[in-house]
Amino acid sequence: MAIVKITQVKSTIDRTEVQKRTVRALGFTKMHQTLEKEATPQIMGMIRQVSHLLKIENI
């Protein structure tokens, strides 16, 4: 599987509870944190839901 590098660039303040929980489930705990995740269909679906809060790079 491919690896995706994701960085949280916008805050979850004033976002819906579902979006807050999705960002938290991806593993983010603070702003400008960068994570590398395997590009499974489940992870890509979560990223797609909150893509406006993230910066996504393919590795």
C-alpha atoms as a PDB file:
ATOM      1  CA  MET A   1       0.000   0.000   0.000  1.00  0.00           C
ATOM      2  CA  ALA A   2       1.011   3.598  -0.536  1.00  0.00           C
ATOM      3  CA  ILE A   3       1.919   5.920   2.294  1.00  0.00           C
ATOM      4  CA  VAL A   4       0.192   9.291   2.724  1.00  0.00           C
ATOM      5  CA  LYS A   5       1.722  12.171   4.673  1.00  0.00           C
ATOM      6  CA  ILE A   6      -0.966  14.357   6.279  1.00  0.00           C
ATOM      7  CA  THR A   7      -0.589  17.599   8.231  1.00  0.00           C
ATOM      8  CA  GLN A   8      -3.313  19.392  10.165  1.00  0.00           C
ATOM      9  CA  VAL A   9      -3.276  23.005   8.955  1.00  0.00           C
ATOM     10  CA  LYS A  10      -6.640  24.284  10.248  1.00  0.00           C
ATOM     11  CA  SER A  11      -8.213  24.089  13.674  1.00  0.00           C
ATOM     12  CA  THR A  12     -11.242  21.996  14.612  1.00  0.00           C
ATOM     13  CA  ILE A  13     -12.718  24.877  16.612  1.00  0.00           C
ATOM     14  CA  ASP A  14     -16.201  25.729  15.262  1.00  0.00           C
ATOM     15  CA  ARG A  15     -16.371  22.423  13.361  1.00  0.00           C
ATOM     16  CA  THR A  16     -19.008  19.736  13.760  1.00  0.00           C
ATOM     17  CA  GLU A  17     -18.510  17.043  16.374  1.00  0.00           C
ATOM     18  CA  VAL A  18     -18.158  14.411  13.628  1.00  0.00           C
ATOM     19  CA  GLN A  19     -15.260  16.334  12.040  1.00  0.00           C
ATOM     20  CA  LYS A  20     -13.567  16.800  15.425  1.00  0.00           C
ATOM     21  CA  ARG A  21     -13.807  13.074  16.133  1.00  0.00           C
ATOM     22  CA  THR A  22     -12.526  12.168  12.665  1.00  0.00           C
ATOM     23  CA  VAL A  23      -9.425  14.362  13.060  1.00  0.00           C
ATOM     24  CA  ARG A  24      -8.830  12.867  16.511  1.00  0.00           C
ATOM     25  CA  ALA A  25      -9.308   9.315  15.164  1.00  0.00           C
ATOM     26  CA  LEU A  26      -6.669   9.978  12.518  1.00  0.00           C
ATOM     27  CA  GLY A  27      -4.251  10.564  15.411  1.00  0.00           C
ATOM     28  CA  PHE A  28      -3.910  14.342  15.507  1.00  0.00           C
ATOM     29  CA  THR A  29      -3.487  15.960  18.908  1.00  0.00           C
ATOM     30  CA  LYS A  30      -2.269  19.449  17.939  1.00  0.00           C
ATOM     31  CA  MET A  31      -2.017  21.877  15.049  1.00  0.00           C
ATOM     32  CA  HIS A  32       0.737  21.510  12.405  1.00  0.00           C
ATOM     33  CA  GLN A  33       1.364  17.925  13.466  1.00  0.00           C
ATOM     34  CA  THR A  34       2.401  15.630  10.607  1.00  0.00           C
ATOM     35  CA  LEU A  35       1.532  11.941  10.437  1.00  0.00           C
ATOM     36  CA  GLU A  36       2.275   9.197   7.933  1.00  0.00           C
ATOM     37  CA  LYS A  37      -0.547   6.736   7.362  1.00  0.00           C
ATOM     38  CA  GLU A  38      -1.009   3.771   5.066  1.00  0.00           C
ATOM     39  CA  ALA A  39      -3.495   4.636   2.293  1.00  0.00           C
ATOM     40  CA  THR A  40      -6.195   2.078   3.085  1.00  0.00           C
ATOM     41  CA  PRO A  41      -9.767   2.745   1.927  1.00  0.00           C
ATOM     42  CA  GLN A  42     -10.816   3.444   5.528  1.00  0.00           C
ATOM     43  CA  ILE A  43      -8.075   6.039   6.108  1.00  0.00           C
ATOM     44  CA  MET A  44      -8.660   7.679   2.713  1.00  0.00           C
ATOM     45  CA  GLY A  45     -12.383   8.011   3.517  1.00  0.00           C
ATOM     46  CA  MET A  46     -11.574   9.719   6.815  1.00  0.00           C
ATOM     47  CA  ILE A  47      -9.107  12.050   5.086  1.00  0.00           C
ATOM     48  CA  ARG A  48     -11.701  12.900   2.421  1.00  0.00           C
ATOM     49  CA  GLN A  49     -14.220  13.898   5.137  1.00  0.00           C
ATOM     50  CA  VAL A  50     -11.880  16.488   6.680  1.00  0.00           C
ATOM     51  CA  SER A  51      -9.656  17.312   3.685  1.00  0.00           C
ATOM     52  CA  HIS A  52     -10.385  21.045   4.131  1.00  0.00           C
ATOM     53  CA  LEU A  53      -8.509  20.894   7.473  1.00  0.00           C
ATOM     54  CA  LEU A  54      -5.526  18.897   6.209  1.00  0.00           C
ATOM     55  CA  LYS A  55      -2.611  19.128   3.809  1.00  0.00           C
ATOM     56  CA  ILE A  56      -2.144  15.812   2.008  1.00  0.00           C
ATOM     57  CA  GLU A  57       1.017  14.547   0.277  1.00  0.00           C
ATOM     58  CA  ASN A  58       1.610  11.184  -1.408  1.00  0.00           C
ATOM     59  CA  ILE A  59       4.903   9.496  -0.600  1.00  0.00           C
END
